[in-house]
Amino acid sequence: MEFGRIYFFTATVHNWLPLLIDDSYKEIIISSLKFLKTKEFIRIYGFVIMPNHIHLIWELLEMNGKESPHSSFLKFTGHQFLKKLRNENLRLLEKFKVDLVNKDYEFWQRDSLPIEVYSTEIIFQKLEYLHNNPCKGKWMLANNPVDYRYSSFRFYETGIDRFGILTHIGERL
């Protein structure tokens, strides 16, 4: 991903496991995004956190030391997931065990997918897609996107950013 461009980014939990069904893991994600936004490493225009993956519409602004912001995000959340599971759920932790030289556990699949969104039409198409994600398919987490807490939908409907991480896409276009 290049700085100063808007991307639709998907990160999937290792083996599609529903780790994020528990809100405390969603809060780890929000905390990491808030840190990166506050430090002005990223700008977030839309998001949804599903039980086994996340979608973001974001822009990377600058490096976090020697790391790209998306690498920092994946690394930090992975470390926090590991710490939490070690303290609370060793059985679940074992499902994330990997046989790799540089690590024992993997929480995010290596195929995180960034797609540059280069037109207004595509940006709004991706926003609609991620906002409707909790209301369809196998999860059916809400009947209406406004009822799903871990999404930017309510921000776009009311202007209220309950997590303090969002920038309206209209400010960028």
C-alpha atoms as a PDB file:
ATOM      1  CA  MET A   1       0.000   0.000   0.000  1.00  0.00           C
ATOM      2  CA  GLU A   2       1.208   3.473  -0.846  1.00  0.00           C
ATOM      3  CA  PHE A   3       0.841   6.523   1.377  1.00  0.00           C
ATOM      4  CA  GLY A   4      -1.813   9.040   0.465  1.00  0.00           C
ATOM      5  CA  ARG A   5      -4.073   6.581  -1.369  1.00  0.00           C
ATOM      6  CA  ILE A   6      -7.370   5.137  -0.184  1.00  0.00           C
ATOM      7  CA  TYR A   7      -7.661   1.367   0.168  1.00  0.00           C
ATOM      8  CA  PHE A   8     -10.373  -1.145   0.911  1.00  0.00           C
ATOM      9  CA  PHE A   9      -8.473  -3.493   3.209  1.00  0.00           C
ATOM     10  CA  THR A  10      -9.558  -6.906   4.428  1.00  0.00           C
ATOM     11  CA  ALA A  11      -7.781  -8.847   7.159  1.00  0.00           C
ATOM     12  CA  THR A  12      -8.973 -12.355   7.978  1.00  0.00           C
ATOM     13  CA  VAL A  13      -8.464 -14.240  11.220  1.00  0.00           C
ATOM     14  CA  HIS A  14      -6.219 -17.293  10.840  1.00  0.00           C
ATOM     15  CA  ASN A  15      -8.186 -20.231   9.395  1.00  0.00           C
ATOM     16  CA  TRP A  16     -11.322 -18.074   9.413  1.00  0.00           C
ATOM     17  CA  LEU A  17     -11.774 -18.786  13.134  1.00  0.00           C
ATOM     18  CA  PRO A  18     -14.492 -16.610  14.745  1.00  0.00           C
ATOM     19  CA  LEU A  19     -12.166 -15.044  17.339  1.00  0.00           C
ATOM     20  CA  LEU A  20     -13.777 -11.633  16.937  1.00  0.00           C
ATOM     21  CA  ILE A  21     -17.229 -12.817  17.944  1.00  0.00           C
ATOM     22  CA  ASP A  22     -16.253 -11.763  21.484  1.00  0.00           C
ATOM     23  CA  ASP A  23     -16.523  -7.969  21.775  1.00  0.00           C
ATOM     24  CA  SER A  24     -13.360  -7.754  23.878  1.00  0.00           C
ATOM     25  CA  TYR A  25     -11.333  -8.753  20.795  1.00  0.00           C
ATOM     26  CA  LYS A  26     -13.170  -6.151  18.740  1.00  0.00           C
ATOM     27  CA  GLU A  27     -12.158  -3.579  21.351  1.00  0.00           C
ATOM     28  CA  ILE A  28      -8.494  -4.536  20.845  1.00  0.00           C
ATOM     29  CA  ILE A  29      -8.931  -3.724  17.155  1.00  0.00           C
ATOM     30  CA  ILE A  30     -10.632  -0.403  17.935  1.00  0.00           C
ATOM     31  CA  SER A  31      -7.875   0.468  20.418  1.00  0.00           C
ATOM     32  CA  SER A  32      -5.161  -0.173  17.840  1.00  0.00           C
ATOM     33  CA  LEU A  33      -6.962   1.834  15.159  1.00  0.00           C
ATOM     34  CA  LYS A  34      -7.506   4.681  17.621  1.00  0.00           C
ATOM     35  CA  PHE A  35      -3.796   4.782  18.493  1.00  0.00           C
ATOM     36  CA  LEU A  36      -2.757   4.847  14.828  1.00  0.00           C
ATOM     37  CA  LYS A  37      -5.345   7.521  14.024  1.00  0.00           C
ATOM     38  CA  THR A  38      -4.386   9.684  17.016  1.00  0.00           C
ATOM     39  CA  LYS A  39      -0.707   9.530  15.996  1.00  0.00           C
ATOM     40  CA  GLU A  40      -1.816  10.529  12.459  1.00  0.00           C
ATOM     41  CA  PHE A  41      -0.408   7.385  10.836  1.00  0.00           C
ATOM     42  CA  ILE A  42      -3.783   6.543   9.257  1.00  0.00           C
ATOM     43  CA  ARG A  43      -7.143   8.025   8.373  1.00  0.00           C
ATOM     44  CA  ILE A  44     -10.171   5.698   8.580  1.00  0.00           C
ATOM     45  CA  TYR A  45     -13.187   6.357   6.383  1.00  0.00           C
ATOM     46  CA  GLY A  46     -15.163   3.202   7.078  1.00  0.00           C
ATOM     47  CA  PHE A  47     -14.950  -0.122   8.885  1.00  0.00           C
ATOM     48  CA  VAL A  48     -16.756  -3.220   9.993  1.00  0.00           C
ATOM     49  CA  ILE A  49     -15.535  -5.893  12.389  1.00  0.00           C
ATOM     50  CA  MET A  50     -17.051  -9.285  11.675  1.00  0.00           C
ATOM     51  CA  PRO A  51     -16.540 -12.473  13.745  1.00  0.00           C
ATOM     52  CA  ASN A  52     -13.657 -13.708  11.585  1.00  0.00           C
ATOM     53  CA  HIS A  53     -12.524 -10.747   9.475  1.00  0.00           C
ATOM     54  CA  ILE A  54     -12.434  -6.984   9.262  1.00  0.00           C
ATOM     55  CA  HIS A  55     -12.920  -4.545   6.422  1.00  0.00           C
ATOM     56  CA  LEU A  56     -11.438  -1.054   6.476  1.00  0.00           C
ATOM     57  CA  ILE A  57     -11.531   1.836   4.086  1.00  0.00           C
ATOM     58  CA  TRP A  58      -8.453   3.727   5.083  1.00  0.00           C
ATOM     59  CA  GLU A  59      -5.532   5.807   4.013  1.00  0.00           C
ATOM     60  CA  LEU A  60      -1.988   5.284   5.257  1.00  0.00           C
ATOM     61  CA  LEU A  61      -0.361   8.639   6.029  1.00  0.00           C
ATOM     62  CA  GLU A  62       3.135   7.866   7.310  1.00  0.00           C
ATOM     63  CA  MET A  63       5.356   5.205   8.820  1.00  0.00           C
ATOM     64  CA  ASN A  64       5.073   4.189  12.464  1.00  0.00           C
ATOM     65  CA  GLY A  65       8.790   4.239  13.134  1.00  0.00           C
ATOM     66  CA  LYS A  66      10.211   1.555  10.854  1.00  0.00           C
ATOM     67  CA  GLU A  67       6.838  -0.153  10.292  1.00  0.00           C
ATOM     68  CA  SER A  68       4.007   0.600   7.949  1.00  0.00           C
ATOM     69  CA  PRO A  69       0.791   1.390   9.836  1.00  0.00           C
ATOM     70  CA  HIS A  70      -0.957  -1.743   8.575  1.00  0.00           C
ATOM     71  CA  SER A  71       1.956  -3.905   9.757  1.00  0.00           C
ATOM     72  CA  SER A  72       1.839  -2.183  13.160  1.00  0.00           C
ATOM     73  CA  PHE A  73      -1.896  -2.796  13.325  1.00  0.00           C
ATOM     74  CA  LEU A  74      -1.648  -6.516  12.537  1.00  0.00           C
ATOM     75  CA  LYS A  75       1.347  -7.030  14.833  1.00  0.00           C
ATOM     76  CA  PHE A  76      -0.100  -5.113  17.802  1.00  0.00           C
ATOM     77  CA  THR A  77      -3.515  -6.779  17.626  1.00  0.00           C
ATOM     78  CA  GLY A  78      -1.844 -10.197  17.265  1.00  0.00           C
ATOM     79  CA  HIS A  79       0.240  -9.596  20.392  1.00  0.00           C
ATOM     80  CA  GLN A  80      -2.824  -8.441  22.326  1.00  0.00           C
ATOM     81  CA  PHE A  81      -4.842 -11.478  21.192  1.00  0.00           C
ATOM     82  CA  LEU A  82      -1.986 -13.744  22.323  1.00  0.00           C
ATOM     83  CA  LYS A  83      -1.756 -12.070  25.726  1.00  0.00           C
ATOM     84  CA  LYS A  84      -5.524 -12.282  26.264  1.00  0.00           C
ATOM     85  CA  LEU A  85      -5.788 -15.920  25.174  1.00  0.00           C
ATOM     86  CA  ARG A  86      -2.819 -16.946  27.338  1.00  0.00           C
ATOM     87  CA  ASN A  87      -4.651 -15.504  30.337  1.00  0.00           C
ATOM     88  CA  GLU A  88      -8.183 -16.604  29.494  1.00  0.00           C
ATOM     89  CA  ASN A  89      -8.455 -19.439  26.989  1.00  0.00           C
ATOM     90  CA  LEU A  90      -5.510 -21.763  26.374  1.00  0.00           C
ATOM     91  CA  ARG A  91      -7.709 -24.217  24.489  1.00  0.00           C
ATOM     92  CA  LEU A  92      -8.667 -21.586  21.930  1.00  0.00           C
ATOM     93  CA  LEU A  93      -5.073 -20.359  21.783  1.00  0.00           C
ATOM     94  CA  GLU A  94      -3.975 -23.790  20.532  1.00  0.00           C
ATOM     95  CA  LYS A  95      -6.093 -23.298  17.400  1.00  0.00           C
ATOM     96  CA  PHE A  96      -3.731 -20.476  16.412  1.00  0.00           C
ATOM     97  CA  LYS A  97      -0.540 -22.544  16.853  1.00  0.00           C
ATOM     98  CA  VAL A  98       1.710 -22.572  13.783  1.00  0.00           C
ATOM     99  CA  ASP A  99       4.998 -24.227  12.986  1.00  0.00           C
ATOM    100  CA  LEU A 100       6.986 -21.254  11.755  1.00  0.00           C
ATOM    101  CA  VAL A 101      10.568 -20.226  12.431  1.00  0.00           C
ATOM    102  CA  ASN A 102       9.706 -16.694  13.528  1.00  0.00           C
ATOM    103  CA  LYS A 103       6.534 -17.313  15.575  1.00  0.00           C
ATOM    104  CA  ASP A 104       4.500 -19.883  17.448  1.00  0.00           C
ATOM    105  CA  TYR A 105       1.041 -18.381  16.890  1.00  0.00           C
ATOM    106  CA  GLU A 106      -0.615 -16.630  13.990  1.00  0.00           C
ATOM    107  CA  PHE A 107      -3.804 -14.624  14.369  1.00  0.00           C
ATOM    108  CA  TRP A 108      -4.110 -12.975  10.966  1.00  0.00           C
ATOM    109  CA  GLN A 109      -3.872 -14.832   7.692  1.00  0.00           C
ATOM    110  CA  ARG A 110      -0.965 -13.714   5.583  1.00  0.00           C
ATOM    111  CA  ASP A 111      -3.131 -12.787   2.626  1.00  0.00           C
ATOM    112  CA  SER A 112      -4.507  -9.468   3.914  1.00  0.00           C
ATOM    113  CA  LEU A 113      -6.002  -7.856   0.868  1.00  0.00           C
ATOM    114  CA  PRO A 114      -5.631  -4.150   0.031  1.00  0.00           C
ATOM    115  CA  ILE A 115      -7.538  -2.890  -3.000  1.00  0.00           C
ATOM    116  CA  GLU A 116      -7.012   0.708  -4.012  1.00  0.00           C
ATOM    117  CA  VAL A 117     -10.292   2.553  -4.369  1.00  0.00           C
ATOM    118  CA  TYR A 118      -9.634   5.132  -7.017  1.00  0.00           C
ATOM    119  CA  SER A 119     -13.075   6.590  -7.729  1.00  0.00           C
ATOM    120  CA  THR A 120     -15.901   8.095  -5.722  1.00  0.00           C
ATOM    121  CA  GLU A 121     -18.297   5.489  -7.097  1.00  0.00           C
ATOM    122  CA  ILE A 122     -16.147   2.578  -5.892  1.00  0.00           C
ATOM    123  CA  ILE A 123     -15.572   4.159  -2.471  1.00  0.00           C
ATOM    124  CA  PHE A 124     -19.325   4.437  -1.889  1.00  0.00           C
ATOM    125  CA  GLN A 125     -19.846   0.929  -3.271  1.00  0.00           C
ATOM    126  CA  LYS A 126     -17.300  -0.450  -0.758  1.00  0.00           C
ATOM    127  CA  LEU A 127     -18.833   1.558   2.101  1.00  0.00           C
ATOM    128  CA  GLU A 128     -22.251   0.111   1.284  1.00  0.00           C
ATOM    129  CA  TYR A 129     -20.782  -3.390   1.091  1.00  0.00           C
ATOM    130  CA  LEU A 130     -19.051  -3.239   4.464  1.00  0.00           C
ATOM    131  CA  HIS A 131     -22.009  -1.556   6.163  1.00  0.00           C
ATOM    132  CA  ASN A 132     -24.376  -4.291   4.956  1.00  0.00           C
ATOM    133  CA  ASN A 133     -21.966  -7.123   5.793  1.00  0.00           C
ATOM    134  CA  PRO A 134     -23.375  -7.744   9.321  1.00  0.00           C
ATOM    135  CA  CYS A 135     -26.928  -8.006   7.956  1.00  0.00           C
ATOM    136  CA  LYS A 136     -26.513 -10.879   5.528  1.00  0.00           C
ATOM    137  CA  GLY A 137     -24.880 -14.213   4.979  1.00  0.00           C
ATOM    138  CA  LYS A 138     -24.169 -16.776   7.625  1.00  0.00           C
ATOM    139  CA  TRP A 139     -23.649 -14.356  10.512  1.00  0.00           C
ATOM    140  CA  MET A 140     -26.777 -12.147  10.452  1.00  0.00           C
ATOM    141  CA  LEU A 141     -25.436 -10.031  13.318  1.00  0.00           C
ATOM    142  CA  ALA A 142     -28.145  -7.382  12.963  1.00  0.00           C
ATOM    143  CA  ASN A 143     -31.364  -6.828  11.054  1.00  0.00           C
ATOM    144  CA  ASN A 144     -30.375  -3.268  10.179  1.00  0.00           C
ATOM    145  CA  PRO A 145     -26.836  -1.850   9.741  1.00  0.00           C
ATOM    146  CA  VAL A 146     -27.589   0.932  12.250  1.00  0.00           C
ATOM    147  CA  ASP A 147     -28.034  -1.721  14.953  1.00  0.00           C
ATOM    148  CA  TYR A 148     -24.555  -3.214  14.512  1.00  0.00           C
ATOM    149  CA  ARG A 149     -22.141  -1.515  16.919  1.00  0.00           C
ATOM    150  CA  TYR A 150     -18.797  -2.381  15.291  1.00  0.00           C
ATOM    151  CA  SER A 151     -19.269  -0.556  12.031  1.00  0.00           C
ATOM    152  CA  SER A 152     -19.024   2.985  10.701  1.00  0.00           C
ATOM    153  CA  PHE A 153     -22.642   2.930   9.476  1.00  0.00           C
ATOM    154  CA  ARG A 154     -24.043   4.910  12.422  1.00  0.00           C
ATOM    155  CA  PHE A 155     -21.358   7.574  11.909  1.00  0.00           C
ATOM    156  CA  TYR A 156     -22.537   8.097   8.348  1.00  0.00           C
ATOM    157  CA  GLU A 157     -26.178   8.178   9.454  1.00  0.00           C
ATOM    158  CA  THR A 158     -25.847  10.438  12.516  1.00  0.00           C
ATOM    159  CA  GLY A 159     -22.400  12.049  12.406  1.00  0.00           C
ATOM    160  CA  ILE A 160     -21.608  10.508  15.800  1.00  0.00           C
ATOM    161  CA  ASP A 161     -18.290   8.662  15.946  1.00  0.00           C
ATOM    162  CA  ARG A 162     -18.656   6.576  19.083  1.00  0.00           C
ATOM    163  CA  PHE A 163     -15.113   5.218  18.765  1.00  0.00           C
ATOM    164  CA  GLY A 164     -13.322   8.453  17.867  1.00  0.00           C
ATOM    165  CA  ILE A 165     -11.531   6.942  14.857  1.00  0.00           C
ATOM    166  CA  LEU A 166     -13.446   8.068  11.777  1.00  0.00           C
ATOM    167  CA  THR A 167     -13.114  10.754   9.141  1.00  0.00           C
ATOM    168  CA  HIS A 168     -16.056  11.307   6.791  1.00  0.00           C
ATOM    169  CA  ILE A 169     -15.092  10.334   3.261  1.00  0.00           C
ATOM    170  CA  GLY A 170     -16.614  13.608   2.060  1.00  0.00           C
ATOM    171  CA  GLU A 171     -13.727  15.442   3.718  1.00  0.00           C
ATOM    172  CA  ARG A 172     -11.284  13.605   1.455  1.00  0.00           C
ATOM    173  CA  LEU A 173     -13.128  13.649  -1.859  1.00  0.00           C
END
